[in-house]
Amino acid sequence: MAQFKGMLHLLHKRMADISYPISKQEILDQIGNETVKVDVDQYLSVQEIIAPIHQETFSCASEFYCALLGT
């Protein structure tokens, strides 16, 4: 994943309406096609960002971000 420092903040803003617990598929259904700036001049969809996560369900935002950062 790119090292753009604002990426997590921008992803978090995209996920503002997400309610937990939630599954990875539910996140994709709700916001999977939305884009997030991941580098100075690069954007990825939420689907592309969370694709590497192996975990399928998340009890809270902290669990989601731990899974994301562990990829």
C-alpha atoms as a PDB file:
ATOM      1  CA  MET A   1       0.000   0.000   0.000  1.00  0.00           C
ATOM      2  CA  ALA A   2       1.177   3.524  -0.762  1.00  0.00           C
ATOM      3  CA  GLN A   3       2.799   5.599   1.965  1.00  0.00           C
ATOM      4  CA  PHE A   4       0.656   8.721   1.473  1.00  0.00           C
ATOM      5  CA  LYS A   5       0.145   9.887   5.056  1.00  0.00           C
ATOM      6  CA  GLY A   6      -3.396  11.141   4.491  1.00  0.00           C
ATOM      7  CA  MET A   7      -4.711   7.885   3.036  1.00  0.00           C
ATOM      8  CA  LEU A   8      -6.006   6.469   6.329  1.00  0.00           C
ATOM      9  CA  HIS A   9      -7.706   9.740   7.182  1.00  0.00           C
ATOM     10  CA  LEU A  10      -9.380   9.891   3.775  1.00  0.00           C
ATOM     11  CA  LEU A  11     -10.432   6.234   3.995  1.00  0.00           C
ATOM     12  CA  HIS A  12     -11.831   6.874   7.469  1.00  0.00           C
ATOM     13  CA  LYS A  13     -13.892   9.789   6.078  1.00  0.00           C
ATOM     14  CA  ARG A  14     -15.279   7.484   3.353  1.00  0.00           C
ATOM     15  CA  MET A  15     -16.247   4.983   6.061  1.00  0.00           C
ATOM     16  CA  ALA A  16     -18.032   7.549   8.256  1.00  0.00           C
ATOM     17  CA  ASP A  17     -21.449   5.946   7.730  1.00  0.00           C
ATOM     18  CA  ILE A  18     -20.260   2.384   8.325  1.00  0.00           C
ATOM     19  CA  SER A  19     -21.807   0.730  11.394  1.00  0.00           C
ATOM     20  CA  TYR A  20     -20.171  -2.154  13.218  1.00  0.00           C
ATOM     21  CA  PRO A  21     -20.254  -5.086  13.474  1.00  0.00           C
ATOM     22  CA  ILE A  22     -19.928  -5.489   9.712  1.00  0.00           C
ATOM     23  CA  SER A  23     -18.601  -7.947   7.172  1.00  0.00           C
ATOM     24  CA  LYS A  24     -16.058  -7.195   4.485  1.00  0.00           C
ATOM     25  CA  GLN A  25     -18.750  -7.894   1.886  1.00  0.00           C
ATOM     26  CA  GLU A  26     -21.124  -5.405   3.516  1.00  0.00           C
ATOM     27  CA  ILE A  27     -18.416  -2.723   3.360  1.00  0.00           C
ATOM     28  CA  LEU A  28     -17.935  -3.509  -0.325  1.00  0.00           C
ATOM     29  CA  ASP A  29     -21.683  -3.391  -0.950  1.00  0.00           C
ATOM     30  CA  GLN A  30     -21.981   0.014   0.757  1.00  0.00           C
ATOM     31  CA  ILE A  31     -18.848   1.871  -0.400  1.00  0.00           C
ATOM     32  CA  GLY A  32     -16.714  -0.523  -2.445  1.00  0.00           C
ATOM     33  CA  ASN A  33     -16.772   1.649  -5.566  1.00  0.00           C
ATOM     34  CA  GLU A  34     -15.894   4.906  -3.804  1.00  0.00           C
ATOM     35  CA  THR A  35     -12.367   6.180  -4.393  1.00  0.00           C
ATOM     36  CA  VAL A  36      -9.727   7.288  -1.918  1.00  0.00           C
ATOM     37  CA  LYS A  37      -6.521   9.216  -2.571  1.00  0.00           C
ATOM     38  CA  VAL A  38      -3.711   6.801  -1.708  1.00  0.00           C
ATOM     39  CA  ASP A  39      -0.706   8.726  -3.022  1.00  0.00           C
ATOM     40  CA  VAL A  40       0.096  12.191  -4.283  1.00  0.00           C
ATOM     41  CA  ASP A  41      -1.516  11.482  -7.661  1.00  0.00           C
ATOM     42  CA  GLN A  42      -3.083   8.024  -7.250  1.00  0.00           C
ATOM     43  CA  TYR A  43      -6.592   6.951  -6.276  1.00  0.00           C
ATOM     44  CA  LEU A  44      -7.909   3.462  -5.515  1.00  0.00           C
ATOM     45  CA  SER A  45     -11.398   2.202  -4.856  1.00  0.00           C
ATOM     46  CA  VAL A  46     -12.259   1.042  -1.355  1.00  0.00           C
ATOM     47  CA  GLN A  47     -12.593  -2.411  -2.911  1.00  0.00           C
ATOM     48  CA  GLU A  48      -8.966  -2.292  -4.090  1.00  0.00           C
ATOM     49  CA  ILE A  49      -7.742  -0.990  -0.733  1.00  0.00           C
ATOM     50  CA  ILE A  50      -9.398  -3.699   1.365  1.00  0.00           C
ATOM     51  CA  ALA A  51      -8.889  -6.594  -1.089  1.00  0.00           C
ATOM     52  CA  PRO A  52      -5.725  -7.816   0.712  1.00  0.00           C
ATOM     53  CA  ILE A  53      -7.570  -8.156   4.049  1.00  0.00           C
ATOM     54  CA  HIS A  54      -8.182 -11.842   4.787  1.00  0.00           C
ATOM     55  CA  GLN A  55     -10.490 -11.258   7.742  1.00  0.00           C
ATOM     56  CA  GLU A  56     -14.169 -11.414   6.761  1.00  0.00           C
ATOM     57  CA  THR A  57     -15.923  -9.726   9.726  1.00  0.00           C
ATOM     58  CA  PHE A  58     -15.123  -6.800  11.992  1.00  0.00           C
ATOM     59  CA  SER A  59     -16.655  -6.160  15.400  1.00  0.00           C
ATOM     60  CA  CYS A  60     -15.469  -2.536  15.509  1.00  0.00           C
ATOM     61  CA  ALA A  61     -13.502   0.063  13.555  1.00  0.00           C
ATOM     62  CA  SER A  62     -10.360  -0.730  15.505  1.00  0.00           C
ATOM     63  CA  GLU A  63     -10.512  -4.354  14.416  1.00  0.00           C
ATOM     64  CA  PHE A  64     -10.980  -3.254  10.785  1.00  0.00           C
ATOM     65  CA  TYR A  65      -8.017  -0.851  10.827  1.00  0.00           C
ATOM     66  CA  CYS A  66      -5.776  -3.398  12.560  1.00  0.00           C
ATOM     67  CA  ALA A  67      -6.623  -5.890   9.804  1.00  0.00           C
ATOM     68  CA  LEU A  68      -5.967  -3.254   7.130  1.00  0.00           C
ATOM     69  CA  LEU A  69      -2.631  -2.174   8.588  1.00  0.00           C
ATOM     70  CA  GLY A  70      -1.587  -5.808   9.016  1.00  0.00           C
ATOM     71  CA  THR A  71      -1.810  -6.500   5.275  1.00  0.00           C
END
